[in-house]
Amino acid sequence: MGREITDRTLCHSHHEIFSAWLGFTLAQQKADLDEYLMASQAPLDLVAYRDIAPATAHQVERQLFLADLETLLDLLRFEHGGAYSPEA
């Protein structure tokens, strides 16, 4: 039963954090994304974001997440002349 409670708690936390991020302004989302990319050193084209929405997310939440994140990724690519590197 401990594992079930842990899984449920993690799923609930994931959805809460996901929902909070969706409530951020695009500027706040961009700052959060910039921080993540700098910390992870992940190349922009390898950011695996399509499947990170929580399983409990509604379709409209998934669509908003993808729209916001794809907008931010396009902005980062534009800011960096089509190629983005976290070190830049």
N, C-alpha and C. Protein backbone atom coordinates (compact mmCIF):
# COMPACT_ATOMS: atom_id res chain seq x y z
N MET A 1 0.81 -1.20 0.00
CA MET A 1 0.00 0.00 0.00
C MET A 1 0.86 1.26 0.00
N GLY A 2 2.07 1.20 0.52
CA GLY A 2 2.96 2.35 0.53
C GLY A 2 3.31 2.83 -0.87
N ARG A 3 3.53 1.89 -1.76
CA ARG A 3 3.89 2.23 -3.14
C ARG A 3 2.71 2.93 -3.84
N GLU A 4 1.50 2.44 -3.62
CA GLU A 4 0.31 3.05 -4.23
C GLU A 4 0.12 4.49 -3.76
N ILE A 5 0.31 4.71 -2.48
CA ILE A 5 0.17 6.06 -1.94
C ILE A 5 1.25 6.97 -2.51
N THR A 6 2.46 6.46 -2.61
CA THR A 6 3.56 7.24 -3.18
C THR A 6 3.27 7.59 -4.63
N ASP A 7 2.84 6.62 -5.41
CA ASP A 7 2.51 6.87 -6.82
C ASP A 7 1.40 7.90 -6.95
N ARG A 8 0.38 7.76 -6.15
CA ARG A 8 -0.75 8.69 -6.20
C ARG A 8 -0.31 10.10 -5.81
N THR A 9 0.53 10.18 -4.78
CA THR A 9 1.03 11.48 -4.33
C THR A 9 1.88 12.14 -5.41
N LEU A 10 2.77 11.37 -6.05
CA LEU A 10 3.60 11.92 -7.13
C LEU A 10 2.74 12.36 -8.31
N CYS A 11 1.75 11.57 -8.68
CA CYS A 11 0.86 11.94 -9.79
C CYS A 11 0.11 13.22 -9.47
N HIS A 12 -0.36 13.33 -8.24
CA HIS A 12 -1.09 14.53 -7.82
C HIS A 12 -0.16 15.75 -7.87
N SER A 13 1.05 15.60 -7.37
CA SER A 13 2.02 16.71 -7.38
C SER A 13 2.37 17.11 -8.81
N HIS A 14 2.55 16.13 -9.67
CA HIS A 14 2.86 16.41 -11.07
C HIS A 14 1.75 17.26 -11.69
N HIS A 15 0.50 16.87 -11.46
CA HIS A 15 -0.61 17.63 -12.03
C HIS A 15 -0.70 19.03 -11.43
N GLU A 16 -0.44 19.17 -10.14
CA GLU A 16 -0.47 20.50 -9.51
C GLU A 16 0.59 21.42 -10.10
N ILE A 17 1.79 20.91 -10.27
CA ILE A 17 2.88 21.71 -10.83
C ILE A 17 2.59 22.05 -12.29
N PHE A 18 2.10 21.09 -13.03
CA PHE A 18 1.73 21.28 -14.43
C PHE A 18 0.66 22.38 -14.54
N SER A 19 -0.37 22.30 -13.70
CA SER A 19 -1.44 23.30 -13.72
C SER A 19 -0.93 24.67 -13.34
N ALA A 20 -0.04 24.72 -12.35
CA ALA A 20 0.53 26.01 -11.94
C ALA A 20 1.33 26.62 -13.10
N TRP A 21 2.11 25.80 -13.80
CA TRP A 21 2.91 26.31 -14.92
C TRP A 21 2.01 26.86 -16.02
N LEU A 22 0.88 26.19 -16.26
CA LEU A 22 -0.06 26.68 -17.27
C LEU A 22 -0.63 28.03 -16.88
N GLY A 23 -0.69 28.32 -15.59
CA GLY A 23 -1.20 29.59 -15.11
C GLY A 23 -0.19 30.72 -15.17
N PHE A 24 1.06 30.40 -15.44
CA PHE A 24 2.10 31.43 -15.57
C PHE A 24 1.85 32.27 -16.82
N THR A 25 2.34 33.48 -16.81
CA THR A 25 2.36 34.28 -18.04
C THR A 25 3.42 33.66 -18.96
N LEU A 26 3.38 34.01 -20.24
CA LEU A 26 4.41 33.50 -21.16
C LEU A 26 5.80 33.94 -20.71
N ALA A 27 5.92 35.14 -20.15
CA ALA A 27 7.22 35.62 -19.67
C ALA A 27 7.72 34.74 -18.52
N GLN A 28 6.84 34.35 -17.62
CA GLN A 28 7.22 33.47 -16.52
C GLN A 28 7.56 32.08 -17.04
N GLN A 29 6.79 31.60 -17.99
CA GLN A 29 7.07 30.29 -18.58
C GLN A 29 8.42 30.31 -19.27
N LYS A 30 8.72 31.41 -19.98
CA LYS A 30 10.00 31.51 -20.68
C LYS A 30 11.15 31.52 -19.68
N ALA A 31 11.01 32.26 -18.60
CA ALA A 31 12.06 32.29 -17.59
C ALA A 31 12.28 30.89 -17.00
N ASP A 32 11.21 30.18 -16.76
CA ASP A 32 11.30 28.82 -16.23
C ASP A 32 11.97 27.90 -17.24
N LEU A 33 11.59 28.01 -18.50
CA LEU A 33 12.19 27.19 -19.55
C LEU A 33 13.67 27.52 -19.72
N ASP A 34 14.00 28.81 -19.71
CA ASP A 34 15.41 29.21 -19.81
C ASP A 34 16.23 28.58 -18.67
N GLU A 35 15.69 28.64 -17.47
CA GLU A 35 16.39 28.07 -16.31
C GLU A 35 16.58 26.57 -16.47
N TYR A 36 15.53 25.90 -16.93
CA TYR A 36 15.62 24.45 -17.15
C TYR A 36 16.68 24.12 -18.20
N LEU A 37 16.66 24.83 -19.31
CA LEU A 37 17.60 24.54 -20.40
C LEU A 37 19.03 24.81 -19.98
N MET A 38 19.24 25.85 -19.19
CA MET A 38 20.60 26.14 -18.71
C MET A 38 21.07 25.05 -17.74
N ALA A 39 20.20 24.62 -16.85
CA ALA A 39 20.58 23.60 -15.86
C ALA A 39 20.80 22.24 -16.51
N SER A 40 19.97 21.91 -17.49
CA SER A 40 20.04 20.58 -18.09
C SER A 40 21.04 20.49 -19.24
N GLN A 41 21.40 21.65 -19.81
CA GLN A 41 22.26 21.69 -20.99
C GLN A 41 21.65 20.93 -22.16
N ALA A 42 20.34 20.78 -22.16
CA ALA A 42 19.64 20.04 -23.22
C ALA A 42 19.58 20.87 -24.50
N PRO A 43 19.96 20.29 -25.63
CA PRO A 43 19.78 21.00 -26.89
C PRO A 43 18.28 21.17 -27.17
N LEU A 44 17.94 22.30 -27.71
CA LEU A 44 16.54 22.65 -27.93
C LEU A 44 15.81 21.63 -28.77
N ASP A 45 16.47 21.10 -29.78
CA ASP A 45 15.79 20.15 -30.67
C ASP A 45 15.59 18.78 -30.02
N LEU A 46 16.21 18.55 -28.88
CA LEU A 46 16.05 17.26 -28.21
C LEU A 46 15.16 17.35 -26.96
N VAL A 47 14.60 18.53 -26.72
CA VAL A 47 13.73 18.67 -25.56
C VAL A 47 12.49 17.82 -25.80
N ALA A 48 12.35 16.76 -25.03
CA ALA A 48 11.22 15.85 -25.18
C ALA A 48 10.07 16.38 -24.32
N TYR A 49 9.17 17.09 -24.94
CA TYR A 49 8.12 17.75 -24.18
C TYR A 49 6.72 17.25 -24.50
N ARG A 50 6.55 16.54 -25.57
CA ARG A 50 5.20 16.13 -25.99
C ARG A 50 4.54 15.14 -25.03
N ASP A 51 5.33 14.38 -24.31
CA ASP A 51 4.76 13.34 -23.46
C ASP A 51 4.96 13.60 -21.97
N ILE A 52 5.22 14.85 -21.58
CA ILE A 52 5.46 15.10 -20.16
C ILE A 52 4.25 15.63 -19.41
N ALA A 53 3.15 15.83 -20.12
CA ALA A 53 1.92 16.22 -19.42
C ALA A 53 1.48 15.07 -18.54
N PRO A 54 0.95 15.38 -17.36
CA PRO A 54 0.50 14.29 -16.49
C PRO A 54 -0.65 13.50 -17.11
N ALA A 55 -0.74 12.26 -16.76
CA ALA A 55 -1.81 11.40 -17.29
C ALA A 55 -3.19 11.92 -16.93
N THR A 56 -3.28 12.67 -15.84
CA THR A 56 -4.56 13.18 -15.38
C THR A 56 -4.95 14.51 -16.05
N ALA A 57 -4.09 15.05 -16.90
CA ALA A 57 -4.38 16.33 -17.55
C ALA A 57 -5.52 16.17 -18.55
N HIS A 58 -6.36 17.18 -18.61
CA HIS A 58 -7.43 17.20 -19.60
C HIS A 58 -6.84 17.56 -20.96
N GLN A 59 -7.55 17.20 -22.01
CA GLN A 59 -7.08 17.47 -23.37
C GLN A 59 -6.81 18.96 -23.59
N VAL A 60 -7.68 19.81 -23.08
CA VAL A 60 -7.50 21.26 -23.26
C VAL A 60 -6.22 21.73 -22.55
N GLU A 61 -5.88 21.13 -21.41
CA GLU A 61 -4.63 21.47 -20.72
C GLU A 61 -3.43 21.05 -21.55
N ARG A 62 -3.51 19.86 -22.13
CA ARG A 62 -2.42 19.38 -22.99
C ARG A 62 -2.22 20.30 -24.19
N GLN A 63 -3.34 20.71 -24.80
CA GLN A 63 -3.26 21.59 -25.97
C GLN A 63 -2.65 22.94 -25.60
N LEU A 64 -3.06 23.50 -24.45
CA LEU A 64 -2.51 24.78 -24.00
C LEU A 64 -1.03 24.64 -23.71
N PHE A 65 -0.64 23.56 -23.05
CA PHE A 65 0.76 23.31 -22.75
C PHE A 65 1.60 23.26 -24.02
N LEU A 66 1.14 22.47 -24.99
CA LEU A 66 1.88 22.35 -26.24
C LEU A 66 1.95 23.67 -26.99
N ALA A 67 0.84 24.40 -27.03
CA ALA A 67 0.83 25.69 -27.72
C ALA A 67 1.80 26.67 -27.06
N ASP A 68 1.76 26.75 -25.73
CA ASP A 68 2.66 27.65 -25.02
C ASP A 68 4.12 27.24 -25.22
N LEU A 69 4.40 25.98 -25.02
CA LEU A 69 5.79 25.53 -25.10
C LEU A 69 6.34 25.64 -26.52
N GLU A 70 5.55 25.30 -27.51
CA GLU A 70 6.02 25.43 -28.90
C GLU A 70 6.25 26.89 -29.26
N THR A 71 5.42 27.79 -28.75
CA THR A 71 5.64 29.22 -28.96
C THR A 71 6.96 29.65 -28.34
N LEU A 72 7.21 29.20 -27.12
CA LEU A 72 8.45 29.56 -26.44
C LEU A 72 9.68 28.97 -27.14
N LEU A 73 9.57 27.74 -27.60
CA LEU A 73 10.69 27.13 -28.32
C LEU A 73 10.97 27.87 -29.62
N ASP A 74 9.92 28.27 -30.33
CA ASP A 74 10.11 29.06 -31.56
C ASP A 74 10.77 30.40 -31.24
N LEU A 75 10.35 31.02 -30.14
CA LEU A 75 10.94 32.29 -29.72
C LEU A 75 12.42 32.12 -29.41
N LEU A 76 12.77 31.07 -28.70
CA LEU A 76 14.18 30.82 -28.38
C LEU A 76 15.00 30.58 -29.64
N ARG A 77 14.43 29.83 -30.58
CA ARG A 77 15.14 29.60 -31.84
C ARG A 77 15.34 30.92 -32.59
N PHE A 78 14.31 31.75 -32.62
CA PHE A 78 14.41 33.05 -33.28
C PHE A 78 15.46 33.92 -32.60
N GLU A 79 15.44 33.95 -31.28
CA GLU A 79 16.41 34.76 -30.53
C GLU A 79 17.84 34.34 -30.80
N HIS A 80 18.02 33.07 -31.12
CA HIS A 80 19.37 32.55 -31.32
C HIS A 80 19.65 32.23 -32.78
N GLY A 81 18.96 32.91 -33.67
CA GLY A 81 19.24 32.79 -35.09
C GLY A 81 18.94 31.41 -35.68
N GLY A 82 17.95 30.73 -35.15
CA GLY A 82 17.57 29.44 -35.70
C GLY A 82 18.19 28.27 -34.99
N ALA A 83 19.27 28.51 -34.27
CA ALA A 83 19.92 27.44 -33.51
C ALA A 83 20.03 27.89 -32.07
N TYR A 84 19.67 27.04 -31.18
CA TYR A 84 19.73 27.38 -29.76
C TYR A 84 20.68 26.44 -29.05
N SER A 85 21.53 27.02 -28.27
CA SER A 85 22.41 26.25 -27.39
C SER A 85 22.27 26.84 -26.01
N PRO A 86 22.11 26.05 -24.97
CA PRO A 86 21.92 26.58 -23.63
C PRO A 86 23.08 27.45 -23.17
N GLU A 87 24.26 27.28 -23.73
CA GLU A 87 25.42 28.09 -23.33
C GLU A 87 25.34 29.48 -23.92
N ALA A 88 24.54 29.68 -24.99
CA ALA A 88 24.51 30.96 -25.68
C ALA A 88 23.81 32.02 -24.86
